Amino acid sequence: MISGPLPISSAPSPDDILAALGQAAFVWDVATDTIVWTDQAAAIFRDVPAAALATGAGLSALIEPHRTVRTEALSQAIAAREAGAAPDQGGCYRIEYGIRGSTADTVLWIEETGYCLGATGETLRVQGIVRINNERHAREEQLLKLSQHDPVTGALNRANLLIALAEAIEESSRFRSSFVFMLVGIDHLARINDAFGFDVADEVIAEIAKRIGVRLRGGDVMGRFSGNKFGLILKNCSVDEANVAAERFLQVIRSDVILTRSGPVSVTASIGAIAVPRYARTNDEAINRAQEALEMAKRRRNGSSAMWRPNVEREAQRRVNIRVTDEIVTALNERRIVVAFEPVVHAGSRHPAFYECLVRMRQEDGEVLLAPDVVPVAEKLGLIRLVDHRVLELVMAELSASPHVQLSLNISPDTTMDSDWWSSIESMMRAHPGVAERMIVEITETVAIQDLDDVRGFVTRVKNFGGRIAIDDFGAGYTSFRNLRKLGVDIVKIDGAFVQNIARSADDRAFVQTMIDLSRRLGIKTVAEWVQDEISADLLRDWGCDYIQGKLIGLAAPERPWLDDTAAPRPAMG
């Protein structure tokens, strides 16, 4: 065995070094445009005639995708040298380009590094080396593709879809052309997720993308807009052509079941589309209006399409929404969201048991908007959680200031799962011990029947604080009493729509009396809403209803009646 370094018999030649590195060197005489190569060039440019490599112009003619890449790099290197760049930077360049000997050949990717030599103000020659760069180019292309495309479908990702949309809008403006932007929404994808799992849902999404893709024309663009939506840019497309295209897409999606690892899945999709720039001149306008059209299609029926068109009433409503949104946010910031207090009394003694806190919004002109004017709009515009937060603050302040009063507050469906609301109530409970026992949280029956497990968790958290839960508007959603027992609610508030006519309607009397009786058997207290007259109040008392509220007792008002000792509420659960 020979140990130690091998003896070097002689210094390696430059040609041997270049050959070992897979590189070739060249000298380019700029004045004559002649290029002289080392012998290794033949191994690199295998299918390229030597004559084509003999001049700068000949080499440029073979370059893809931009033939001027070498001359542009040379100009920049010369400019850097003349500008006094550092010696290790001035005059140097590094570029990558593709070479194709003929149209039948595959592209050979070359990395070229060179240095400009010559007197100040002129370049006499360029010296450099080249090497094959196919593998590195492929890796970079793959990374670029991954950064631009959705991994599940291979379509553009959302960011690059929006870039393509902006470019299409700019192009349509410059060349006075038009296109159609479509949103394709997979119907009930959440059900597929629940039934089969996310992996199968991804298979469905990928197959739908494939089916749409084969129906697109050259120049059209597809991207994944969101989890269940694709965005399509159909270039040079009229409204009539878009309607035909939409039906073509819908038909190919629903025509055959999608075969997945869990078996066949039947899928439909809906489409909303808008003509651009006719009805949209920005990305936001195109996207929002395509979304509106998609919602219109879904309301009509799943598996249909709709084109966005101007609508005077819709535009007027949008302007109203913008104005009301601003009014609600301003009212929140200026502390003009307040509460009014409606008494809930013992059915027998008529002594106050607790007060329901109802939201009010004082407008700048002094007019006061009631809960029915504020809550539905706030829910529609996504502001209800902010309103609920403010009401919680007000209720907690009242409970802290008056240690004998008991109050209830209503919260919206969105707020029941709002982590910020829970954080607020937890911090307030810690800051004001003993307050929770005097607070009742009211949720509607609609919320209670949406997801029993989620609602049960909400009820448990409230009761762990020491608070109580009331189901509001009970009877409107037909919640079973079995579910009431599972939820563990404390109070049922019978929907006033059934209560207000019990003096005149035998059906309503039977319905209300049955609910009171069943609630009592389950140990749940009852409140009858919308009590209008003494006859109704007497009936409710005789049937065993625990509490009543409504016009007969007194409607909501901003005054705090519990500040009068004679109106102090009696325990609501006694």
Protein backbone atom coordinates (compact mmCIF):
# COMPACT_ATOMS: atom_id res chain seq x y z
CA MET A 1 0.00 0.00 0.00
CA ILE A 2 1.28 3.46 -0.87
CA SER A 3 0.77 6.05 1.87
CA GLY A 4 1.04 9.81 1.68
CA PRO A 5 0.33 12.11 -1.27
CA LEU A 6 0.89 10.87 -4.78
CA PRO A 7 3.95 12.36 -6.43
CA ILE A 8 3.33 14.98 -9.10
CA SER A 9 5.42 14.21 -12.14
CA SER A 10 4.63 17.48 -13.92
CA ALA A 11 2.31 20.49 -13.70
CA PRO A 12 -1.14 19.88 -15.29
CA SER A 13 -1.88 21.74 -18.47
CA PRO A 14 -4.68 24.35 -18.60
CA ASP A 15 -6.49 22.17 -21.11
CA ASP A 16 -6.46 19.24 -18.70
CA ILE A 17 -7.84 21.44 -15.91
CA LEU A 18 -10.65 22.76 -18.13
CA ALA A 19 -11.49 19.26 -19.32
CA ALA A 20 -11.62 17.98 -15.74
CA LEU A 21 -13.96 20.81 -14.75
CA GLY A 22 -16.17 20.39 -17.83
CA GLN A 23 -15.39 23.91 -19.00
CA ALA A 24 -14.12 25.59 -22.14
CA ALA A 25 -12.34 28.93 -22.45
CA PHE A 26 -12.64 31.54 -25.16
CA VAL A 27 -11.23 34.84 -26.31
CA TRP A 28 -13.60 37.18 -28.12
CA ASP A 29 -12.06 39.90 -30.27
CA VAL A 30 -14.78 42.51 -30.14
CA ALA A 31 -13.46 44.57 -33.02
CA THR A 32 -13.52 41.68 -35.50
CA ASP A 33 -16.27 39.74 -33.66
CA THR A 34 -14.07 36.64 -33.78
CA ILE A 35 -14.23 34.03 -31.02
CA VAL A 36 -11.41 31.54 -30.47
CA TRP A 37 -12.26 28.50 -28.31
CA THR A 38 -10.20 25.90 -26.51
CA ASP A 39 -10.61 22.29 -27.62
CA GLN A 40 -13.09 21.54 -24.83
CA ALA A 41 -15.75 23.62 -26.61
CA ALA A 42 -16.51 20.70 -28.92
CA ALA A 43 -17.46 18.52 -25.93
CA ILE A 44 -19.77 21.20 -24.54
CA PHE A 45 -21.43 22.32 -27.77
CA ARG A 46 -21.80 18.78 -29.16
CA ASP A 47 -24.43 19.40 -31.83
CA VAL A 48 -23.47 22.95 -32.69
CA PRO A 49 -21.38 23.51 -35.83
CA ALA A 50 -17.99 25.05 -35.09
CA ALA A 51 -18.67 27.77 -37.65
CA ALA A 52 -21.68 28.97 -35.65
CA LEU A 53 -19.44 29.48 -32.61
CA ALA A 54 -16.72 31.33 -34.49
CA THR A 55 -18.29 34.79 -34.12
CA GLY A 56 -20.24 36.70 -31.51
CA ALA A 57 -23.09 37.22 -33.98
CA GLY A 58 -23.17 33.51 -34.82
CA LEU A 59 -23.33 32.52 -31.17
CA SER A 60 -26.05 35.11 -30.44
CA ALA A 61 -28.19 33.67 -33.24
CA LEU A 62 -28.33 30.37 -31.35
CA ILE A 63 -29.22 31.86 -27.97
CA GLU A 64 -32.64 31.48 -26.33
CA PRO A 65 -34.79 33.05 -25.02
CA HIS A 66 -33.13 36.48 -25.53
CA ARG A 67 -30.48 36.71 -28.22
CA THR A 68 -29.10 40.00 -26.93
CA VAL A 69 -28.17 38.63 -23.50
CA ARG A 70 -24.39 38.56 -24.25
CA THR A 71 -24.21 42.03 -25.75
CA GLU A 72 -26.33 43.48 -22.94
CA ALA A 73 -24.11 41.84 -20.31
CA LEU A 74 -21.03 43.17 -22.08
CA SER A 75 -22.44 46.71 -22.14
CA GLN A 76 -23.25 46.58 -18.43
CA ALA A 77 -19.80 45.23 -17.58
CA ILE A 78 -18.12 48.00 -19.57
CA ALA A 79 -20.33 50.64 -17.94
CA ALA A 80 -19.45 49.30 -14.48
CA ARG A 81 -15.75 49.43 -15.30
CA GLU A 82 -15.97 52.97 -16.63
CA ALA A 83 -17.95 54.03 -13.53
CA GLY A 84 -15.01 53.03 -11.35
CA ALA A 85 -16.39 49.84 -9.84
CA ALA A 86 -14.14 47.76 -7.63
CA PRO A 87 -11.45 45.85 -9.56
CA ASP A 88 -13.04 42.51 -8.71
CA GLN A 89 -16.39 43.68 -10.11
CA GLY A 90 -15.75 46.19 -12.90
CA GLY A 91 -15.69 44.58 -16.32
CA CYS A 92 -16.92 41.19 -15.07
CA TYR A 93 -20.17 39.53 -16.03
CA ARG A 94 -21.96 36.24 -15.48
CA ILE A 95 -24.92 35.15 -17.60
CA GLU A 96 -27.01 32.09 -18.42
CA TYR A 97 -28.58 31.32 -21.76
CA GLY A 98 -29.95 28.45 -23.78
CA ILE A 99 -28.37 27.13 -26.98
CA ARG A 100 -30.23 25.13 -29.61
CA GLY A 101 -28.36 23.87 -32.67
CA SER A 102 -31.61 23.33 -34.58
CA THR A 103 -35.32 23.47 -33.89
CA ALA A 104 -35.30 19.71 -33.35
CA ASP A 105 -32.62 19.86 -30.66
CA THR A 106 -33.30 20.24 -26.96
CA VAL A 107 -32.10 23.43 -25.30
CA LEU A 108 -28.60 23.25 -23.80
CA TRP A 109 -28.25 25.64 -20.87
CA ILE A 110 -24.87 27.39 -20.65
CA GLU A 111 -23.32 29.46 -17.87
CA GLU A 112 -20.80 32.01 -19.18
CA THR A 113 -18.43 34.06 -17.03
CA GLY A 114 -16.25 36.70 -18.67
CA TYR A 115 -14.02 39.72 -18.21
CA CYS A 116 -13.60 42.75 -20.47
CA LEU A 117 -10.06 43.81 -21.35
CA GLY A 118 -9.02 47.01 -23.06
CA ALA A 119 -7.96 50.60 -22.71
CA THR A 120 -10.16 53.14 -20.97
CA GLY A 121 -13.15 53.95 -23.10
CA GLU A 122 -12.98 50.87 -25.30
CA THR A 123 -13.05 47.10 -25.06
CA LEU A 124 -10.58 45.23 -27.21
CA ARG A 125 -11.43 41.69 -26.18
CA VAL A 126 -13.37 39.53 -23.77
CA GLN A 127 -11.95 36.46 -22.05
CA GLY A 128 -14.14 33.91 -20.37
CA ILE A 129 -15.20 30.37 -19.72
CA VAL A 130 -18.41 28.44 -20.33
CA ARG A 131 -19.85 25.29 -18.84
CA ILE A 132 -23.01 23.21 -19.17
CA ASN A 133 -25.60 24.32 -16.59
CA ASN A 134 -28.54 22.01 -17.31
CA GLU A 135 -28.97 20.52 -13.83
CA ARG A 136 -28.68 23.81 -11.98
CA HIS A 137 -31.05 25.49 -14.44
CA ALA A 138 -33.58 22.67 -13.96
CA ARG A 139 -33.38 23.04 -10.17
CA GLU A 140 -33.85 26.79 -10.37
CA GLU A 141 -36.76 26.38 -12.77
CA GLN A 142 -38.37 23.89 -10.41
CA LEU A 143 -37.94 26.23 -7.45
CA LEU A 144 -39.38 29.08 -9.51
CA LYS A 145 -42.33 26.93 -10.52
CA LEU A 146 -42.96 25.93 -6.91
CA SER A 147 -42.90 29.57 -5.87
CA GLN A 148 -45.43 30.51 -8.56
CA HIS A 149 -47.72 27.50 -8.71
CA ASP A 150 -50.10 25.70 -6.40
CA PRO A 151 -48.57 22.36 -5.35
CA VAL A 152 -51.89 20.47 -5.45
CA THR A 153 -53.08 21.50 -8.91
CA GLY A 154 -50.06 22.90 -10.73
CA ALA A 155 -52.08 26.02 -11.51
CA LEU A 156 -50.80 29.47 -10.63
CA ASN A 157 -50.98 30.23 -6.94
CA ARG A 158 -53.13 33.11 -5.73
CA ALA A 159 -50.34 35.69 -5.70
CA ASN A 160 -49.34 35.01 -9.28
CA LEU A 161 -52.96 34.73 -10.42
CA LEU A 162 -53.49 38.27 -9.12
CA ILE A 163 -50.35 39.41 -10.94
CA ALA A 164 -51.66 37.84 -14.15
CA LEU A 165 -55.04 39.51 -13.62
CA ALA A 166 -53.42 42.92 -13.14
CA GLU A 167 -51.33 42.41 -16.28
CA ALA A 168 -54.43 41.39 -18.25
CA ILE A 169 -56.27 44.52 -17.09
CA GLU A 170 -53.32 46.74 -18.05
CA GLU A 171 -53.02 44.99 -21.42
CA SER A 172 -56.74 45.35 -22.13
CA SER A 173 -56.51 49.07 -21.42
CA ARG A 174 -53.46 49.57 -23.62
CA PHE A 175 -54.70 47.56 -26.60
CA ARG A 176 -58.44 48.22 -26.17
CA SER A 177 -59.11 44.51 -25.84
CA SER A 178 -61.38 42.64 -23.44
CA PHE A 179 -61.37 39.46 -21.41
CA VAL A 180 -63.54 37.63 -18.91
CA PHE A 181 -62.50 36.80 -15.36
CA MET A 182 -64.21 33.76 -13.87
CA LEU A 183 -64.32 32.28 -10.40
CA VAL A 184 -65.10 28.56 -10.41
CA GLY A 185 -66.27 27.40 -6.98
CA ILE A 186 -66.46 23.71 -6.09
CA ASP A 187 -69.85 23.09 -4.49
CA HIS A 188 -69.90 21.63 -0.96
CA LEU A 189 -66.16 20.92 -0.77
CA ALA A 190 -66.43 21.05 3.03
CA ARG A 191 -68.74 18.03 2.92
CA ILE A 192 -66.12 16.09 0.98
CA ASN A 193 -63.52 17.08 3.57
CA ASP A 194 -65.78 15.87 6.37
CA ALA A 195 -66.85 12.65 4.65
CA PHE A 196 -63.56 11.50 3.10
CA GLY A 197 -60.76 13.61 4.55
CA PHE A 198 -58.50 16.34 3.20
CA ASP A 199 -56.38 13.99 1.06
CA VAL A 200 -59.40 12.90 -0.96
CA ALA A 201 -60.56 16.52 -1.21
CA ASP A 202 -57.14 17.39 -2.66
CA GLU A 203 -57.58 14.61 -5.24
CA VAL A 204 -60.93 16.12 -6.21
CA ILE A 205 -59.43 19.61 -6.48
CA ALA A 206 -56.54 18.36 -8.62
CA GLU A 207 -58.86 16.45 -10.97
CA ILE A 208 -61.16 19.44 -11.42
CA ALA A 209 -58.14 21.62 -12.24
CA LYS A 210 -57.09 19.03 -14.83
CA ARG A 211 -60.56 18.93 -16.39
CA ILE A 212 -60.76 22.70 -16.61
CA GLY A 213 -57.21 22.93 -17.95
CA VAL A 214 -57.87 20.72 -20.97
CA ARG A 215 -60.77 22.99 -21.96
CA LEU A 216 -58.74 26.22 -21.85
CA ARG A 217 -57.43 27.85 -25.01
CA GLY A 218 -53.83 28.86 -25.56
CA GLY A 219 -53.22 32.15 -23.77
CA ASP A 220 -55.92 31.59 -21.15
CA VAL A 221 -54.77 31.54 -17.53
CA MET A 222 -55.86 29.39 -14.59
CA GLY A 223 -54.90 29.87 -10.95
CA ARG A 224 -56.03 28.58 -7.59
CA PHE A 225 -57.82 31.52 -6.02
CA SER A 226 -58.65 29.88 -2.68
CA GLY A 227 -59.28 26.47 -1.14
CA ASN A 228 -62.36 25.68 -3.24
CA LYS A 229 -62.11 28.29 -6.00
CA PHE A 230 -60.18 28.65 -9.26
CA GLY A 231 -59.68 31.92 -11.10
CA LEU A 232 -59.74 31.88 -14.90
CA ILE A 233 -58.63 34.64 -17.26
CA LEU A 234 -60.19 34.09 -20.69
CA LYS A 235 -58.41 36.38 -23.16
CA ASN A 236 -60.26 38.05 -26.05
CA CYS A 237 -63.56 36.65 -24.85
CA SER A 238 -67.02 38.18 -25.28
CA VAL A 239 -69.90 37.74 -22.85
CA ASP A 240 -71.65 35.28 -25.17
CA GLU A 241 -68.45 33.28 -25.58
CA ALA A 242 -67.96 33.32 -21.81
CA ASN A 243 -71.42 31.86 -21.25
CA VAL A 244 -70.60 29.04 -23.65
CA ALA A 245 -67.23 28.49 -21.97
CA ALA A 246 -68.80 28.44 -18.51
CA GLU A 247 -71.26 25.74 -19.51
CA ARG A 248 -68.40 23.79 -21.07
CA PHE A 249 -66.44 23.92 -17.80
CA LEU A 250 -69.46 22.97 -15.69
CA GLN A 251 -70.32 20.08 -17.99
CA VAL A 252 -66.83 18.57 -17.93
CA ILE A 253 -66.73 18.83 -14.12
CA ARG A 254 -70.06 17.08 -13.54
CA SER A 255 -69.97 14.67 -16.50
CA ASP A 256 -68.06 11.86 -14.79
CA VAL A 257 -67.52 10.94 -11.17
CA ILE A 258 -64.02 11.53 -9.82
CA LEU A 259 -62.21 8.33 -8.86
CA THR A 260 -60.33 8.71 -5.58
CA ARG A 261 -58.54 6.37 -3.18
CA SER A 262 -61.77 6.27 -1.14
CA GLY A 263 -63.99 5.54 -4.11
CA PRO A 264 -65.93 7.61 -6.64
CA VAL A 265 -66.98 11.14 -5.72
CA SER A 266 -69.62 13.13 -7.60
CA VAL A 267 -68.90 16.85 -7.78
CA THR A 268 -70.49 19.97 -9.21
CA ALA A 269 -69.19 23.52 -9.43
CA SER A 270 -70.67 26.99 -9.86
CA ILE A 271 -69.22 29.91 -11.78
CA GLY A 272 -69.33 33.68 -11.39
CA ALA A 273 -67.86 35.81 -14.16
CA ILE A 274 -67.34 39.43 -15.16
CA ALA A 275 -66.40 41.17 -18.40
CA VAL A 276 -63.22 43.25 -18.06
CA PRO A 277 -62.61 46.15 -18.49
CA ARG A 278 -66.25 46.81 -19.32
CA TYR A 279 -67.44 46.29 -15.76
CA ALA A 280 -64.17 46.27 -13.79
CA ARG A 281 -61.01 48.33 -14.11
CA THR A 282 -59.05 47.08 -11.09
CA ASN A 283 -58.23 43.74 -9.52
CA ASP A 284 -60.48 44.46 -6.55
CA GLU A 285 -63.46 45.32 -8.75
CA ALA A 286 -62.98 42.22 -10.92
CA ILE A 287 -62.60 39.88 -7.93
CA ASN A 288 -65.41 41.34 -5.83
CA ARG A 289 -67.87 41.36 -8.71
CA ALA A 290 -66.94 37.85 -9.82
CA GLN A 291 -67.55 36.80 -6.20
CA GLU A 292 -70.97 38.47 -6.29
CA ALA A 293 -71.81 36.68 -9.52
CA LEU A 294 -70.68 33.36 -8.02
CA GLU A 295 -72.94 33.92 -5.01
CA MET A 296 -75.83 34.73 -7.37
CA ALA A 297 -75.21 31.47 -9.23
CA LYS A 298 -75.16 29.45 -6.01
CA ARG A 299 -78.38 31.09 -4.81
CA ARG A 300 -80.03 30.15 -8.08
CA ARG A 301 -78.84 26.53 -7.82
CA ASN A 302 -75.57 24.69 -7.42
CA GLY A 303 -73.91 23.80 -10.70
CA SER A 304 -74.94 26.98 -12.53
CA SER A 305 -73.19 30.14 -13.73
CA ALA A 306 -73.90 33.86 -13.65
CA MET A 307 -72.39 36.92 -15.33
CA TRP A 308 -72.08 40.12 -13.32
CA ARG A 309 -74.11 43.03 -14.65
CA PRO A 310 -74.81 46.46 -13.17
CA ASN A 311 -77.78 46.61 -10.83
CA VAL A 312 -79.05 49.96 -9.56
CA GLU A 313 -80.57 48.55 -6.37
CA ARG A 314 -77.45 46.53 -5.56
CA GLU A 315 -75.16 49.51 -6.07
CA ALA A 316 -77.43 51.65 -3.89
CA GLN A 317 -77.35 48.99 -1.16
CA ARG A 318 -73.57 48.84 -1.39
CA ARG A 319 -73.33 52.58 -0.85
CA VAL A 320 -75.67 52.24 2.13
CA ASN A 321 -73.49 49.43 3.53
CA ILE A 322 -70.39 51.58 3.22
CA ARG A 323 -72.11 54.48 4.96
CA VAL A 324 -73.56 52.32 7.74
CA THR A 325 -70.21 50.58 8.29
CA ASP A 326 -68.58 53.95 8.77
CA GLU A 327 -71.38 55.04 11.11
CA ILE A 328 -71.08 51.92 13.29
CA VAL A 329 -67.28 52.09 13.50
CA THR A 330 -67.42 55.81 14.29
CA ALA A 331 -70.08 55.21 16.95
CA LEU A 332 -67.89 52.53 18.53
CA ASN A 333 -64.87 54.83 18.56
CA GLU A 334 -66.90 57.72 19.98
CA ARG A 335 -68.59 55.54 22.62
CA ARG A 336 -72.03 56.10 21.13
CA ILE A 337 -72.89 52.39 21.32
CA VAL A 338 -74.90 52.14 24.55
CA VAL A 339 -77.41 49.79 26.14
CA ALA A 340 -81.01 50.08 27.28
CA PHE A 341 -82.44 47.97 30.08
CA GLU A 342 -85.66 45.96 29.75
CA PRO A 343 -87.04 44.50 32.99
CA VAL A 344 -87.74 40.80 33.36
CA VAL A 345 -89.98 40.21 36.39
CA HIS A 346 -91.25 37.31 38.47
CA ALA A 347 -94.57 36.23 36.96
CA GLY A 348 -96.25 36.08 40.38
CA SER A 349 -94.93 39.05 42.35
CA ARG A 350 -93.92 41.27 39.40
CA HIS A 351 -90.70 42.07 41.25
CA PRO A 352 -87.70 42.59 38.94
CA ALA A 353 -85.61 39.44 38.49
CA PHE A 354 -83.05 40.78 36.01
CA TYR A 355 -82.73 43.29 33.18
CA GLU A 356 -82.00 42.44 29.57
CA CYS A 357 -79.39 44.77 28.07
CA LEU A 358 -80.32 45.74 24.51
CA VAL A 359 -77.89 47.55 22.23
CA ARG A 360 -78.62 51.10 21.08
CA MET A 361 -76.67 53.41 18.78
CA ARG A 362 -76.86 57.15 19.34
CA GLN A 363 -76.42 58.95 16.05
CA GLU A 364 -74.63 62.25 15.71
CA ASP A 365 -77.95 64.08 15.32
CA GLY A 366 -79.20 62.62 18.61
CA GLU A 367 -81.52 60.01 17.11
CA VAL A 368 -81.24 56.58 18.73
CA LEU A 369 -81.25 53.42 16.62
CA LEU A 370 -82.73 50.29 18.23
CA ALA A 371 -81.25 46.79 18.21
CA PRO A 372 -83.25 45.66 15.13
CA ASP A 373 -81.75 48.60 13.23
CA VAL A 374 -78.17 47.86 14.31
CA VAL A 375 -77.64 44.13 14.91
CA PRO A 376 -78.69 42.67 11.51
CA VAL A 377 -76.62 45.25 9.64
CA ALA A 378 -73.62 44.73 11.92
CA GLU A 379 -73.88 40.96 11.39
CA LYS A 380 -74.09 41.36 7.63
CA LEU A 381 -71.11 43.72 7.50
CA GLY A 382 -68.94 41.66 9.84
CA LEU A 383 -68.99 44.22 12.66
CA ILE A 384 -71.12 42.36 15.17
CA ARG A 385 -68.19 41.06 17.19
CA LEU A 386 -67.00 44.62 17.77
CA VAL A 387 -70.50 45.57 18.89
CA ASP A 388 -70.71 42.53 21.20
CA HIS A 389 -67.35 43.46 22.74
CA ARG A 390 -68.61 46.95 23.52
CA VAL A 391 -71.85 45.62 25.04
CA LEU A 392 -69.84 43.23 27.21
CA GLU A 393 -67.75 46.14 28.50
CA LEU A 394 -70.88 48.13 29.33
CA VAL A 395 -72.60 45.21 31.08
CA MET A 396 -69.52 44.40 33.15
CA ALA A 397 -69.25 48.05 34.18
CA GLU A 398 -72.89 48.08 35.32
CA LEU A 399 -72.51 44.83 37.25
CA SER A 400 -69.37 46.12 38.95
CA ALA A 401 -70.99 49.43 39.88
CA SER A 402 -74.20 47.86 41.23
CA PRO A 403 -73.51 44.73 43.31
CA HIS A 404 -77.19 43.74 43.60
CA VAL A 405 -78.33 43.96 39.98
CA GLN A 406 -78.55 41.01 37.60
CA LEU A 407 -78.19 41.60 33.86
CA SER A 408 -78.41 39.58 30.67
CA LEU A 409 -76.74 40.31 27.35
CA ASN A 410 -77.26 38.90 23.87
CA ILE A 411 -74.37 37.69 21.76
CA SER A 412 -74.31 36.81 18.08
CA PRO A 413 -73.41 33.45 16.51
CA ASP A 414 -70.00 34.76 15.41
CA THR A 415 -69.11 35.85 18.93
CA THR A 416 -69.72 32.44 20.50
CA MET A 417 -66.52 31.19 18.86
CA ASP A 418 -64.55 34.45 19.09
CA SER A 419 -61.32 33.92 21.04
CA ASP A 420 -60.97 37.68 21.60
CA TRP A 421 -64.39 37.79 23.29
CA TRP A 422 -63.36 34.97 25.60
CA SER A 423 -60.08 36.72 26.40
CA SER A 424 -61.99 39.89 27.27
CA ILE A 425 -64.52 38.19 29.50
CA GLU A 426 -61.83 36.17 31.29
CA SER A 427 -59.78 39.27 32.08
CA MET A 428 -62.90 41.16 33.22
CA MET A 429 -63.98 38.28 35.46
CA ARG A 430 -60.57 38.24 37.11
CA ALA A 431 -60.69 41.99 37.61
CA HIS A 432 -64.23 41.88 39.09
CA PRO A 433 -64.73 38.71 41.14
CA GLY A 434 -68.33 37.87 41.97
CA VAL A 435 -69.74 39.58 38.89
CA ALA A 436 -70.20 36.41 36.82
CA GLU A 437 -72.89 35.02 39.14
CA ARG A 438 -75.10 37.99 38.26
CA MET A 439 -74.63 37.77 34.48
CA ILE A 440 -76.82 35.83 32.05
CA VAL A 441 -75.63 35.23 28.47
CA GLU A 442 -78.42 34.88 25.91
CA ILE A 443 -77.89 32.93 22.69
CA THR A 444 -80.58 32.37 20.09
CA GLU A 445 -82.12 29.01 19.43
CA THR A 446 -80.69 29.21 15.90
CA VAL A 447 -77.18 29.22 17.39
CA ALA A 448 -78.03 26.38 19.75
CA ILE A 449 -79.03 23.98 16.97
CA GLN A 450 -76.13 24.73 14.61
CA ASP A 451 -73.48 22.57 16.29
CA LEU A 452 -74.41 21.03 19.61
CA ASP A 453 -70.83 20.11 20.52
CA ASP A 454 -69.54 23.65 19.93
CA VAL A 455 -72.48 25.22 21.75
CA ARG A 456 -72.12 22.77 24.64
CA GLY A 457 -68.50 23.85 24.95
CA PHE A 458 -69.58 27.50 24.97
CA VAL A 459 -72.22 26.85 27.64
CA THR A 460 -69.71 24.97 29.79
CA ARG A 461 -67.18 27.80 29.64
CA VAL A 462 -69.79 30.39 30.63
CA LYS A 463 -71.03 28.27 33.52
CA ASN A 464 -67.47 27.58 34.68
CA PHE A 465 -67.15 31.34 35.15
CA GLY A 466 -70.27 31.24 37.31
CA GLY A 467 -72.54 32.76 34.66
CA ARG A 468 -75.84 31.42 33.36
CA ILE A 469 -77.13 30.65 29.88
CA ALA A 470 -80.51 31.54 28.40
CA ILE A 471 -81.86 30.32 25.06
CA ASP A 472 -83.55 33.29 23.38
CA ASP A 473 -86.49 33.10 20.95
CA PHE A 474 -87.16 29.50 21.94
CA GLY A 475 -89.78 27.82 19.77
CA ALA A 476 -88.75 29.42 16.48
CA GLY A 477 -86.14 26.79 15.63
CA TYR A 478 -87.80 23.69 17.00
CA THR A 479 -84.93 22.64 19.23
CA SER A 480 -85.80 19.41 21.01
CA PHE A 481 -86.01 19.42 24.78
CA ARG A 482 -83.54 16.56 24.73
CA ASN A 483 -80.98 18.95 23.26
CA LEU A 484 -81.79 21.51 25.95
CA ARG A 485 -80.96 18.92 28.57
CA LYS A 486 -77.68 18.10 26.80
CA LEU A 487 -76.71 21.76 26.60
CA GLY A 488 -77.36 22.38 30.28
CA VAL A 489 -79.04 25.77 29.81
CA ASP A 490 -80.52 27.58 32.79
CA ILE A 491 -83.31 29.64 31.23
CA VAL A 492 -85.57 29.31 28.19
CA LYS A 493 -87.05 32.51 26.76
CA ILE A 494 -90.19 31.57 24.85
CA ASP A 495 -90.43 33.33 21.50
CA GLY A 496 -92.77 36.31 21.77
CA ALA A 497 -94.38 35.42 18.44
CA PHE A 498 -96.17 32.59 20.29
CA VAL A 499 -96.75 34.52 23.52
CA GLN A 500 -98.33 37.72 22.21
CA ASN A 501 -101.53 36.02 21.03
CA ILE A 502 -102.16 33.46 23.78
CA ALA A 503 -105.22 35.39 24.96
CA ARG A 504 -106.80 34.88 21.52
CA SER A 505 -105.20 31.76 19.99
CA ALA A 506 -105.88 28.26 21.31
CA ASP A 507 -102.95 26.89 19.28
CA ASP A 508 -100.51 29.37 20.80
CA ARG A 509 -101.88 28.67 24.28
CA ALA A 510 -101.31 24.95 23.85
CA PHE A 511 -97.82 25.47 22.45
CA VAL A 512 -96.67 27.86 25.18
CA GLN A 513 -98.22 25.82 27.99
CA THR A 514 -96.47 22.69 26.70
CA MET A 515 -93.10 24.43 26.61
CA ILE A 516 -93.53 25.75 30.14
CA ASP A 517 -94.51 22.31 31.42
CA LEU A 518 -91.62 20.50 29.71
CA SER A 519 -89.11 23.12 30.87
CA ARG A 520 -90.30 22.78 34.45
CA ARG A 521 -89.88 18.99 34.27
CA LEU A 522 -86.27 19.52 33.11
CA GLY A 523 -85.57 22.04 35.86
CA ILE A 524 -85.20 24.92 33.39
CA LYS A 525 -86.63 28.35 34.23
CA THR A 526 -88.90 30.02 31.66
CA VAL A 527 -89.30 33.61 30.50
CA ALA A 528 -92.27 34.61 28.35
CA GLU A 529 -91.40 37.45 25.96
CA TRP A 530 -93.72 40.05 24.42
CA VAL A 531 -96.34 39.90 27.16
CA GLN A 532 -98.93 42.47 26.05
CA ASP A 533 -101.77 42.38 28.58
CA GLU A 534 -102.92 41.23 32.00
CA ILE A 535 -104.92 38.32 30.63
CA SER A 536 -101.77 36.85 29.09
CA ALA A 537 -99.75 37.55 32.25
CA ASP A 538 -102.32 35.75 34.41
CA LEU A 539 -102.39 32.74 32.09
CA LEU A 540 -98.60 32.50 32.15
CA ARG A 541 -98.51 32.75 35.93
CA ASP A 542 -101.14 30.04 36.30
CA TRP A 543 -99.25 27.74 33.92
CA GLY A 544 -96.12 28.04 36.04
CA CYS A 545 -94.06 30.41 33.89
CA ASP A 546 -91.28 31.84 36.06
CA TYR A 547 -90.69 35.27 34.50
CA ILE A 548 -92.36 37.62 32.02
CA GLN A 549 -91.25 40.63 30.02
CA GLY A 550 -92.76 42.86 27.38
CA LYS A 551 -94.95 45.90 26.86
CA LEU A 552 -97.07 45.16 29.94
CA ILE A 553 -94.03 45.21 32.22
CA GLY A 554 -92.09 47.97 30.53
CA LEU A 555 -89.95 48.27 27.42
CA ALA A 556 -86.23 48.92 27.31
CA ALA A 557 -85.07 52.34 28.50
CA PRO A 558 -81.68 53.94 29.21
CA GLU A 559 -82.56 54.67 32.85
CA ARG A 560 -81.23 52.34 35.57
CA PRO A 561 -84.28 51.44 37.67
CA TRP A 562 -82.24 49.36 40.12
CA LEU A 563 -80.73 52.57 41.49
CA ASP A 564 -84.13 52.96 43.18
CA ASP A 565 -83.99 50.64 46.22
CA THR A 566 -87.64 49.72 45.78
CA ALA A 567 -86.88 48.27 42.36
CA ALA A 568 -83.99 46.05 43.43
CA PRO A 569 -84.27 42.74 41.55
CA ARG A 570 -84.97 39.52 43.37
CA PRO A 571 -82.73 36.51 42.64
CA ALA A 572 -83.46 35.23 39.14
CA MET A 573 -82.83 31.61 40.01
CA GLY A 574 -84.67 31.50 43.32
